[in-house]
N, C-alpha and C. Protein backbone atom coordinates (compact mmCIF):
# COMPACT_ATOMS: atom_id res chain seq x y z
N MET A 1 0.70 -0.97 -0.66
CA MET A 1 -0.54 0.54 0.03
C MET A 1 0.86 0.94 -0.21
N LYS A 2 1.95 1.16 0.75
CA LYS A 2 2.56 2.66 0.55
C LYS A 2 3.57 2.25 -0.65
N LYS A 3 3.76 1.41 -0.80
CA LYS A 3 4.54 1.37 -2.98
C LYS A 3 3.02 1.86 -3.66
N ILE A 4 2.24 2.38 -3.38
CA ILE A 4 1.27 2.51 -4.28
C ILE A 4 1.06 3.89 -4.27
N VAL A 5 0.90 4.36 -2.35
CA VAL A 5 0.67 5.69 -2.05
C VAL A 5 1.80 6.72 -2.95
N LEU A 6 3.80 6.66 -2.95
CA LEU A 6 4.40 6.93 -3.08
C LEU A 6 4.69 6.91 -4.36
N LEU A 7 3.77 6.41 -5.52
CA LEU A 7 3.55 6.16 -7.21
C LEU A 7 2.86 7.02 -7.16
N LEU A 8 1.41 7.42 -7.17
CA LEU A 8 0.02 8.56 -6.72
C LEU A 8 1.34 9.54 -7.17
N ILE A 9 1.58 10.17 -6.14
CA ILE A 9 2.41 11.48 -5.48
C ILE A 9 3.54 11.51 -6.29
N SER A 10 4.57 10.28 -6.91
CA SER A 10 5.31 11.08 -8.21
C SER A 10 4.83 11.10 -9.02
N VAL A 11 3.67 10.27 -9.70
CA VAL A 11 2.95 11.05 -10.86
C VAL A 11 2.11 11.96 -10.75
N ILE A 12 1.77 12.83 -9.39
CA ILE A 12 1.57 13.71 -9.90
C ILE A 12 2.14 14.49 -9.38
N SER A 13 2.97 15.11 -8.48
CA SER A 13 4.39 15.64 -8.89
C SER A 13 4.89 16.40 -10.49
N LEU A 14 4.56 14.37 -11.13
CA LEU A 14 5.10 14.99 -12.06
C LEU A 14 4.41 15.53 -12.91
N ASN A 15 2.81 15.97 -12.86
CA ASN A 15 1.95 15.97 -13.37
C ASN A 15 2.21 17.47 -12.82
N SER A 16 2.08 18.21 -12.48
CA SER A 16 2.34 19.69 -11.84
C SER A 16 2.81 20.60 -12.11
N ASN A 17 4.76 19.24 -12.65
CA ASN A 17 5.78 20.22 -12.92
C ASN A 17 5.20 20.62 -14.69
N ALA A 18 5.05 19.83 -14.87
CA ALA A 18 4.13 19.73 -16.60
C ALA A 18 4.52 21.11 -16.82
N GLN A 19 4.87 21.79 -18.11
CA GLN A 19 3.78 22.66 -18.22
C GLN A 19 3.68 23.40 -19.07
N LEU A 20 3.15 24.36 -19.41
CA LEU A 20 2.42 24.26 -20.76
C LEU A 20 3.30 26.52 -21.28
N PHE A 21 2.69 25.99 -22.60
CA PHE A 21 3.55 26.25 -23.17
C PHE A 21 2.51 27.25 -24.62
N VAL A 22 2.64 29.04 -24.59
CA VAL A 22 1.53 30.09 -25.42
C VAL A 22 2.49 30.13 -26.38
N GLY A 23 1.70 31.02 -27.53
CA GLY A 23 2.37 31.54 -28.74
C GLY A 23 2.82 32.74 -28.51
N LYS A 24 3.69 33.06 -28.27
CA LYS A 24 4.64 35.39 -28.31
C LYS A 24 4.39 35.51 -29.50
N GLU A 25 5.16 34.57 -30.44
CA GLU A 25 5.00 35.31 -32.11
C GLU A 25 4.72 33.95 -33.15
N THR A 26 3.20 33.99 -33.45
CA THR A 26 3.23 33.17 -34.85
C THR A 26 2.62 33.43 -36.08
N LEU A 27 2.91 33.49 -37.34
CA LEU A 27 2.36 33.47 -38.35
C LEU A 27 2.06 32.21 -38.43
N ILE A 28 0.65 33.00 -39.17
CA ILE A 28 0.09 31.88 -40.18
C ILE A 28 -0.20 32.35 -41.28
N HIS A 29 0.47 31.25 -42.35
CA HIS A 29 0.11 31.41 -43.85
C HIS A 29 -1.02 30.99 -44.92
N PHE A 30 -1.18 31.37 -45.29
CA PHE A 30 -1.26 30.53 -46.57
C PHE A 30 -1.54 31.32 -48.14
N LEU A 31 -1.06 30.14 -49.04
CA LEU A 31 -1.53 30.23 -50.27
C LEU A 31 -2.21 29.99 -51.26
N SER A 32 -2.99 30.54 -51.99
CA SER A 32 -3.30 30.22 -53.49
C SER A 32 -3.29 30.35 -54.50
N LYS A 33 -2.38 28.97 -54.78
CA LYS A 33 -1.93 29.22 -56.19
C LYS A 33 -3.21 29.17 -57.49
N ALA A 34 -3.27 29.93 -57.57
CA ALA A 34 -4.47 29.30 -58.92
C ALA A 34 -4.59 30.23 -60.57
N ALA A 35 -4.70 29.37 -61.46
CA ALA A 35 -3.79 30.22 -63.36
C ALA A 35 -3.98 31.50 -63.15
N LEU A 36 -5.15 32.00 -62.67
CA LEU A 36 -4.62 33.64 -63.25
C LEU A 36 -4.00 34.55 -61.93
N GLU A 37 -4.24 34.05 -60.78
CA GLU A 37 -3.06 34.44 -59.46
C GLU A 37 -2.95 34.25 -57.89
N ASP A 38 -2.10 34.11 -57.84
CA ASP A 38 -1.84 33.85 -56.66
C ASP A 38 -2.00 34.91 -55.53
N ILE A 39 -3.16 34.39 -54.36
CA ILE A 39 -3.73 35.12 -53.28
C ILE A 39 -2.80 34.47 -51.75
N GLU A 40 -2.59 35.65 -51.34
CA GLU A 40 -1.57 34.99 -50.10
C GLU A 40 -2.36 36.10 -48.43
N ALA A 41 -2.70 34.91 -48.05
CA ALA A 41 -2.72 36.14 -46.48
C ALA A 41 -2.13 35.82 -44.77
N LYS A 42 -1.70 36.70 -44.28
CA LYS A 42 -1.36 36.31 -43.48
C LYS A 42 -1.80 36.98 -42.01
N ASN A 43 -1.88 36.44 -40.87
CA ASN A 43 -2.67 36.11 -40.05
C ASN A 43 -1.71 36.02 -38.15
N THR A 44 -1.66 37.34 -37.37
CA THR A 44 -0.48 36.93 -36.33
C THR A 44 -1.56 36.97 -35.05
N ILE A 45 -2.38 37.30 -35.13
CA ILE A 45 -2.85 37.24 -34.17
C ILE A 45 -3.01 36.03 -33.29
N ALA A 46 -3.39 34.79 -33.80
CA ALA A 46 -2.99 33.58 -32.89
C ALA A 46 -2.29 33.38 -32.12
N LYS A 47 -2.88 32.52 -30.53
CA LYS A 47 -2.07 32.47 -29.68
C LYS A 47 -2.19 30.77 -29.67
N PRO A 48 -1.37 30.32 -29.90
CA PRO A 48 -1.42 28.66 -29.69
C PRO A 48 -0.88 28.17 -28.38
N ILE A 49 -1.41 26.97 -27.96
CA ILE A 49 -1.51 26.32 -26.71
C ILE A 49 -0.79 24.84 -26.70
N LEU A 50 0.45 25.11 -26.17
CA LEU A 50 1.49 23.83 -25.96
C LEU A 50 1.01 22.24 -24.66
N ASP A 51 0.16 21.48 -24.55
CA ASP A 51 0.58 21.50 -23.28
C ASP A 51 2.03 19.52 -23.06
N GLU A 52 2.56 20.06 -22.42
CA GLU A 52 4.65 19.13 -22.47
C GLU A 52 3.96 17.71 -22.25
N ALA A 53 2.57 17.82 -20.79
CA ALA A 53 2.80 16.77 -20.25
C ALA A 53 1.97 15.61 -21.18
N THR A 54 0.68 16.63 -22.42
CA THR A 54 0.31 15.52 -22.50
C THR A 54 0.43 15.81 -24.44
N GLY A 55 0.91 16.53 -25.05
CA GLY A 55 0.97 16.52 -26.14
C GLY A 55 0.10 17.42 -27.26
N ALA A 56 -0.96 17.97 -25.77
CA ALA A 56 -1.70 18.68 -26.44
C ALA A 56 -2.15 19.90 -27.33
N PHE A 57 -2.11 20.04 -28.36
CA PHE A 57 -1.97 21.45 -29.18
C PHE A 57 -2.63 22.01 -29.83
N GLN A 58 -3.42 24.06 -29.27
CA GLN A 58 -4.49 23.77 -29.84
C GLN A 58 -4.17 25.51 -30.40
N VAL A 59 -4.89 25.83 -30.80
CA VAL A 59 -5.17 27.12 -32.22
C VAL A 59 -6.39 27.15 -32.21
N ARG A 60 -6.92 28.81 -32.03
CA ARG A 60 -7.90 29.70 -32.48
C ARG A 60 -7.44 30.57 -32.89
N VAL A 61 -7.79 30.43 -34.55
CA VAL A 61 -7.25 31.89 -35.50
C VAL A 61 -8.88 32.19 -35.52
N PRO A 62 -8.34 34.23 -35.13
CA PRO A 62 -9.78 34.76 -35.40
C PRO A 62 -9.59 34.81 -37.34
N ASN A 63 -10.36 34.90 -38.27
CA ASN A 63 -10.49 34.60 -39.45
C ASN A 63 -10.93 36.22 -40.41
N LYS A 64 -10.62 37.20 -38.89
CA LYS A 64 -11.18 38.69 -39.68
C LYS A 64 -9.49 38.96 -39.46
N GLN A 65 -8.75 38.93 -39.18
CA GLN A 65 -7.51 39.56 -38.90
C GLN A 65 -6.38 38.66 -39.82
N PHE A 66 -7.09 37.77 -41.17
CA PHE A 66 -6.33 37.78 -42.38
C PHE A 66 -5.80 38.97 -42.73
N LYS A 67 -4.79 39.16 -43.48
CA LYS A 67 -4.30 40.70 -43.86
C LYS A 67 -4.09 39.55 -45.61
N PHE A 68 -4.38 40.64 -46.24
CA PHE A 68 -3.73 40.30 -47.89
C PHE A 68 -3.63 41.69 -48.43
N ALA A 69 -2.21 41.71 -49.90
CA ALA A 69 -2.65 42.25 -50.21
C ALA A 69 -3.12 43.60 -50.85
N SER A 70 -4.10 42.88 -50.61
CA SER A 70 -5.75 44.72 -51.15
C SER A 70 -6.70 44.27 -50.23
N SER A 71 -7.42 45.60 -49.91
CA SER A 71 -8.14 45.25 -49.40
C SER A 71 -9.63 44.48 -50.25
N PHE A 72 -9.25 44.95 -51.62
CA PHE A 72 -10.72 44.08 -51.91
C PHE A 72 -10.52 42.98 -51.68
N MET A 73 -9.45 41.81 -51.28
CA MET A 73 -9.19 40.37 -51.99
C MET A 73 -10.02 40.55 -50.55
N GLU A 74 -9.51 40.96 -49.31
CA GLU A 74 -9.80 40.67 -47.35
C GLU A 74 -11.71 40.54 -47.64
N GLU A 75 -11.56 42.01 -48.31
CA GLU A 75 -13.71 42.28 -48.21
C GLU A 75 -13.72 40.92 -48.05
N HIS A 76 -13.12 40.20 -49.88
CA HIS A 76 -13.96 38.91 -50.20
C HIS A 76 -13.05 37.52 -49.69
N PHE A 77 -13.18 37.76 -49.14
CA PHE A 77 -12.58 36.71 -47.78
C PHE A 77 -13.74 36.12 -46.31
N ASN A 78 -13.21 37.74 -45.89
CA ASN A 78 -14.44 38.02 -45.03
C ASN A 78 -16.16 37.27 -45.31
N GLU A 79 -16.12 38.55 -46.40
CA GLU A 79 -17.71 38.15 -46.97
C GLU A 79 -19.04 37.06 -47.08
N ASN A 80 -17.84 36.92 -48.92
CA ASN A 80 -18.33 36.10 -49.35
C ASN A 80 -17.43 34.41 -48.89
N TYR A 81 -16.53 34.45 -48.79
CA TYR A 81 -15.53 32.88 -48.58
C TYR A 81 -16.05 32.52 -46.91
N MET A 82 -15.64 33.03 -45.95
CA MET A 82 -14.99 31.68 -44.85
C MET A 82 -16.55 32.99 -43.73
N GLU A 83 -17.13 34.11 -44.74
CA GLU A 83 -18.80 34.47 -43.99
C GLU A 83 -18.09 34.12 -42.17
N THR A 84 -17.14 35.63 -41.87
CA THR A 84 -16.04 35.80 -40.71
C THR A 84 -17.32 36.40 -39.50
N GLU A 85 -18.64 37.30 -40.25
CA GLU A 85 -20.03 37.43 -39.12
C GLU A 85 -20.33 36.38 -38.58
N LYS A 86 -20.83 35.14 -39.40
CA LYS A 86 -20.71 33.64 -38.83
C LYS A 86 -20.26 32.59 -38.42
N PHE A 87 -19.00 33.02 -38.96
CA PHE A 87 -17.54 31.47 -38.47
C PHE A 87 -16.31 32.53 -38.06
N PRO A 88 -16.68 33.85 -37.21
CA PRO A 88 -15.95 33.78 -36.56
C PRO A 88 -13.73 33.67 -36.72
N TYR A 89 -14.10 32.85 -35.90
CA TYR A 89 -13.07 31.34 -35.23
C TYR A 89 -12.95 30.68 -36.61
N SER A 90 -11.33 30.41 -37.24
CA SER A 90 -10.83 28.20 -37.35
C SER A 90 -10.41 28.23 -36.24
N THR A 91 -10.87 26.83 -35.49
CA THR A 91 -9.84 26.24 -34.69
C THR A 91 -8.96 25.48 -34.89
N PHE A 92 -7.87 24.57 -34.58
CA PHE A 92 -7.25 23.73 -34.70
C PHE A 92 -6.79 22.42 -33.02
N LYS A 93 -7.75 21.33 -32.79
CA LYS A 93 -7.20 20.74 -32.04
C LYS A 93 -6.08 18.94 -32.08
N GLY A 94 -5.47 18.85 -31.53
CA GLY A 94 -4.80 18.05 -32.02
C GLY A 94 -3.91 17.81 -31.06
N THR A 95 -3.24 16.50 -30.88
CA THR A 95 -1.87 15.77 -30.04
C THR A 95 -0.74 15.68 -30.89
N ILE A 96 1.00 15.90 -29.99
CA ILE A 96 1.85 15.17 -31.50
C ILE A 96 2.19 14.35 -30.98
N ASN A 97 1.83 13.23 -31.62
CA ASN A 97 1.91 12.29 -31.36
C ASN A 97 3.35 11.54 -31.42
N GLN A 98 4.74 11.92 -31.53
CA GLN A 98 5.95 11.50 -30.34
C GLN A 98 5.80 12.50 -29.29
N LYS A 99 6.90 11.45 -28.92
CA LYS A 99 6.82 12.37 -27.21
C LYS A 99 7.93 12.55 -27.21
N ILE A 100 8.19 14.21 -26.74
CA ILE A 100 9.38 14.70 -26.73
C ILE A 100 9.72 14.91 -25.35
N ASP A 101 11.13 15.23 -25.60
CA ASP A 101 11.42 15.45 -24.09
C ASP A 101 11.86 16.94 -23.80
N TYR A 102 10.55 17.94 -23.44
CA TYR A 102 11.09 19.45 -23.47
C TYR A 102 12.72 19.98 -23.12
N THR A 103 13.29 18.94 -21.79
CA THR A 103 14.35 19.22 -21.19
C THR A 103 15.41 19.03 -22.10
N LYS A 104 15.81 18.85 -23.42
CA LYS A 104 16.97 18.53 -24.53
C LYS A 104 16.56 19.25 -25.16
N ASP A 105 18.04 20.21 -25.68
CA ASP A 105 17.75 21.13 -26.54
C ASP A 105 17.22 21.05 -28.15
N GLY A 106 17.09 20.91 -29.59
CA GLY A 106 16.87 20.13 -29.99
C GLY A 106 15.77 20.43 -31.34
N GLU A 107 15.36 19.83 -32.43
CA GLU A 107 15.08 20.01 -33.90
C GLU A 107 14.69 18.42 -33.30
N ASN A 108 13.14 18.24 -33.75
CA ASN A 108 12.16 16.67 -33.54
C ASN A 108 11.72 16.73 -35.02
N GLN A 109 11.13 15.68 -35.57
CA GLN A 109 10.37 16.09 -36.56
C GLN A 109 9.46 15.47 -35.65
N VAL A 110 8.12 16.06 -35.86
CA VAL A 110 6.26 15.67 -35.24
C VAL A 110 5.69 15.99 -36.57
N THR A 111 4.60 14.90 -35.63
CA THR A 111 3.05 14.63 -36.62
C THR A 111 1.93 15.50 -36.09
N CYS A 112 1.54 16.22 -35.56
CA CYS A 112 -0.29 16.89 -34.82
C CYS A 112 -1.48 15.85 -35.46
N THR A 113 -1.87 15.17 -35.13
CA THR A 113 -3.40 14.69 -35.93
C THR A 113 -4.20 15.48 -34.54
N GLY A 114 -5.47 15.75 -35.06
CA GLY A 114 -6.68 16.15 -34.67
C GLY A 114 -7.07 17.10 -35.32
N THR A 115 -8.86 18.24 -34.58
CA THR A 115 -9.48 18.53 -35.87
C THR A 115 -9.78 19.83 -36.20
N MET A 116 -10.18 19.65 -37.20
CA MET A 116 -10.26 21.35 -37.87
C MET A 116 -11.76 21.80 -37.27
N ASP A 117 -11.40 22.97 -37.31
CA ASP A 117 -13.24 22.96 -37.15
C ASP A 117 -13.37 24.82 -38.33
N MET A 118 -14.04 24.55 -39.43
CA MET A 118 -13.81 26.30 -39.99
C MET A 118 -14.45 26.45 -40.97
N HIS A 119 -15.32 27.69 -41.26
CA HIS A 119 -16.32 27.36 -41.60
C HIS A 119 -17.57 26.92 -41.00
N GLY A 120 -17.78 26.43 -39.48
CA GLY A 120 -18.97 25.21 -39.82
C GLY A 120 -18.84 24.22 -39.35
N VAL A 121 -16.94 23.82 -40.49
CA VAL A 121 -17.41 21.51 -40.62
C VAL A 121 -16.18 22.02 -40.26
N VAL A 122 -16.44 20.17 -38.67
CA VAL A 122 -15.22 19.65 -37.68
C VAL A 122 -14.87 19.10 -39.47
N LEU A 123 -13.16 19.31 -39.38
CA LEU A 123 -12.55 17.70 -40.41
C LEU A 123 -11.90 17.10 -39.03
N PRO A 124 -10.60 15.57 -40.03
CA PRO A 124 -9.84 16.07 -39.51
C PRO A 124 -8.95 15.40 -40.16
N VAL A 125 -8.22 16.60 -39.78
CA VAL A 125 -6.07 16.69 -40.07
C VAL A 125 -4.81 16.11 -39.11
N THR A 126 -3.98 15.73 -39.77
CA THR A 126 -2.58 15.47 -39.53
C THR A 126 -2.01 16.79 -40.44
N ALA A 127 -1.09 17.01 -39.50
CA ALA A 127 -0.25 17.62 -40.44
C ALA A 127 1.04 17.66 -39.65
N SER A 128 2.53 17.97 -40.73
CA SER A 128 3.61 17.68 -40.67
C SER A 128 4.17 18.78 -40.56
N GLY A 129 5.34 18.56 -38.71
CA GLY A 129 6.20 20.64 -38.87
C GLY A 129 7.60 19.66 -37.98
N THR A 130 7.62 20.59 -37.72
CA THR A 130 9.22 20.31 -36.16
C THR A 130 9.54 21.45 -35.44
N LEU A 131 9.26 20.04 -34.28
CA LEU A 131 8.82 21.21 -33.00
C LEU A 131 10.75 21.57 -32.85
N THR A 132 11.54 22.32 -32.71
CA THR A 132 12.70 23.00 -32.27
C THR A 132 12.72 23.05 -30.47
N ILE A 133 13.64 23.32 -29.74
CA ILE A 133 13.55 23.59 -28.47
C ILE A 133 14.98 23.97 -28.37
N LYS A 134 14.79 25.18 -27.73
CA LYS A 134 15.87 25.87 -27.45
C LYS A 134 15.77 26.72 -25.60
N GLY A 135 16.23 25.76 -25.07
CA GLY A 135 16.21 26.73 -23.57
C GLY A 135 14.52 26.17 -23.81
N ASN A 136 14.11 27.37 -22.74
CA ASN A 136 12.99 27.36 -22.35
C ASN A 136 11.60 27.56 -23.44
N GLN A 137 12.61 27.85 -24.56
CA GLN A 137 11.48 28.42 -26.01
C GLN A 137 11.64 27.02 -26.64
N VAL A 138 9.85 27.20 -27.01
CA VAL A 138 9.45 25.91 -28.20
C VAL A 138 9.35 26.74 -29.32
N ILE A 139 9.81 26.61 -30.81
CA ILE A 139 9.30 26.70 -31.85
C ILE A 139 8.17 25.51 -32.47
N VAL A 140 8.29 25.39 -33.51
CA VAL A 140 6.85 25.26 -34.44
C VAL A 140 6.91 25.69 -35.73
N THR A 141 6.77 24.34 -35.61
CA THR A 141 6.59 24.96 -37.48
C THR A 141 5.58 23.70 -38.20
N ALA A 142 5.07 24.38 -38.80
CA ALA A 142 4.43 22.60 -39.29
C ALA A 142 3.49 23.19 -41.45
N LYS A 143 2.67 22.85 -41.96
CA LYS A 143 2.42 22.69 -42.98
C LYS A 143 1.25 21.76 -43.37
N PHE A 144 0.04 22.31 -44.23
CA PHE A 144 -0.34 21.04 -44.33
C PHE A 144 -1.19 21.84 -45.17
N LYS A 145 -2.31 20.96 -46.08
CA LYS A 145 -3.29 21.24 -47.32
C LYS A 145 -4.57 21.30 -46.75
N VAL A 146 -4.94 22.75 -47.44
CA VAL A 146 -6.76 22.75 -47.11
C VAL A 146 -7.78 23.05 -48.57
N THR A 147 -8.47 21.79 -48.33
CA THR A 147 -9.84 21.58 -49.81
C THR A 147 -11.05 22.85 -49.26
N ILE A 148 -11.02 23.45 -50.02
CA ILE A 148 -11.99 24.62 -49.58
C ILE A 148 -13.25 23.93 -49.65
N ALA A 149 -13.15 22.99 -50.32
CA ALA A 149 -15.03 22.58 -50.67
C ALA A 149 -15.39 21.04 -49.63
N ASP A 150 -14.16 21.44 -48.90
CA ASP A 150 -14.23 19.87 -48.03
C ASP A 150 -14.94 20.82 -47.06
N TYR A 151 -14.66 22.50 -46.76
CA TYR A 151 -15.15 22.47 -45.57
C TYR A 151 -16.25 24.15 -45.94
N LYS A 152 -16.95 23.80 -46.93
CA LYS A 152 -18.12 24.25 -47.60
C LYS A 152 -17.76 25.10 -48.10
N ILE A 153 -16.76 26.01 -48.53
CA ILE A 153 -16.37 27.15 -48.57
C ILE A 153 -16.23 27.30 -50.35
N LYS A 154 -17.60 27.87 -50.79
CA LYS A 154 -18.32 27.61 -51.83
C LYS A 154 -17.09 29.46 -52.70
N VAL A 155 -17.13 28.73 -54.16
CA VAL A 155 -16.26 29.89 -55.26
C VAL A 155 -17.21 30.05 -55.88
N PRO A 156 -17.32 31.19 -56.31
CA PRO A 156 -18.41 31.71 -57.60
C PRO A 156 -17.55 31.65 -58.93
N SER A 157 -18.79 30.43 -59.44
CA SER A 157 -18.42 30.44 -61.47
C SER A 157 -16.64 31.52 -61.83
N LEU A 158 -17.51 32.72 -61.34
CA LEU A 158 -16.41 33.52 -62.43
C LEU A 158 -15.35 33.40 -61.34
N TYR A 159 -14.95 33.57 -60.23
CA TYR A 159 -13.75 33.47 -59.86
C TYR A 159 -12.87 32.17 -59.42
N VAL A 160 -13.81 31.41 -60.23
CA VAL A 160 -13.41 29.43 -60.69
C VAL A 160 -12.04 29.48 -60.65
N LYS A 161 -11.02 30.12 -61.42
CA LYS A 161 -9.49 30.52 -61.44
C LYS A 161 -8.64 31.01 -61.35
N ASN A 162 -9.44 31.94 -60.11
CA ASN A 162 -8.78 33.25 -59.36
C ASN A 162 -8.23 32.66 -57.88
N ILE A 163 -8.93 31.41 -57.33
CA ILE A 163 -9.04 30.76 -56.44
C ILE A 163 -8.98 29.64 -56.15
N ALA A 164 -7.48 28.65 -55.97
CA ALA A 164 -7.44 27.06 -55.81
C ALA A 164 -7.59 25.99 -54.91
N GLU A 165 -8.95 24.93 -55.26
CA GLU A 165 -9.45 24.31 -54.99
C GLU A 165 -9.19 23.85 -53.58
N ILE A 166 -7.31 23.51 -53.76
CA ILE A 166 -6.59 23.20 -52.45
C ILE A 166 -5.66 24.54 -52.34
N ILE A 167 -5.55 24.76 -51.14
CA ILE A 167 -4.68 26.18 -49.88
C ILE A 167 -3.77 25.74 -49.26
N ASP A 168 -2.62 25.93 -49.37
CA ASP A 168 -1.16 25.86 -48.35
C ASP A 168 -1.74 26.94 -47.43
N VAL A 169 -0.79 25.58 -46.41
CA VAL A 169 -1.23 26.48 -45.38
C VAL A 169 0.57 26.90 -44.21
N ASP A 170 0.89 27.36 -43.88
CA ASP A 170 2.05 27.21 -42.70
C ASP A 170 1.36 27.92 -41.53
N ILE A 171 2.17 27.32 -40.93
CA ILE A 171 2.39 28.21 -39.34
C ILE A 171 3.44 27.82 -39.03
N THR A 172 3.83 28.90 -38.40
CA THR A 172 5.78 29.19 -37.72
C THR A 172 5.05 29.58 -35.79
N THR A 173 5.49 28.93 -35.08
CA THR A 173 5.38 29.80 -33.60
C THR A 173 6.28 29.92 -32.35
N LEU A 174 6.82 31.23 -32.27
CA LEU A 174 7.27 30.81 -31.07
C LEU A 174 6.89 30.68 -29.50
N MET A 175 7.01 30.00 -29.06
CA MET A 175 6.39 29.42 -27.72
C MET A 175 6.96 30.06 -26.94
N GLU A 176 6.55 30.48 -25.15
CA GLU A 176 7.17 30.30 -23.99
C GLU A 176 6.18 30.01 -22.77
N PRO A 177 7.10 29.24 -22.55
CA PRO A 177 6.00 29.11 -20.84
C PRO A 177 4.64 30.31 -20.64
N TYR A 178 4.01 29.45 -19.88
CA TYR A 178 2.82 30.12 -19.40
C TYR A 178 3.21 30.77 -18.67
N VAL A 179 2.67 32.09 -17.72
CA VAL A 179 3.38 32.49 -16.46
C VAL A 179 2.05 33.34 -16.35
N LYS A 180 1.23 32.67 -14.78
CA LYS A 180 0.12 33.31 -14.89
C LYS A 180 0.06 34.19 -14.30
N LYS A 181 -0.43 35.99 -14.76
CA LYS A 181 -0.98 36.38 -13.61
C LYS A 181 -0.88 37.08 -13.37
């Protein structure tokens, strides 16, 4: 019985030392390469969260904060495609599939499996990337593709040659330990 109590205390203390990391600087970038034009946008507002103990990674992206080269593109994105008044956020919730030693500096190739909720549609997503540890900082980079029809994003026939069916998305985030204020 004494051994079980000691084991429970050890497990609880290990979990209480687990660190949460939050995005300090984040860049989410997407690129639509279509026949007539390339369209890209950037969002630097999102604050991803990573739980070292479980590998849980999540990010909630304010759709209206994507910035485009032209205000016309931005307006169409918000009003016609993403309908940001109705769907203000896109979210990803997943788990890093590899066990990472956060006490050891270095670069780790990882995959993260979870779900993406975009435009009112929730679908499974797996993204490949790199998780780099430098001291108390974690840098996460990932790339994945989004098929817009899967998320019920409709493109008017007039613009089908302007907007790609599959969008390339990449994220880079510098994360630091969460400090309760």
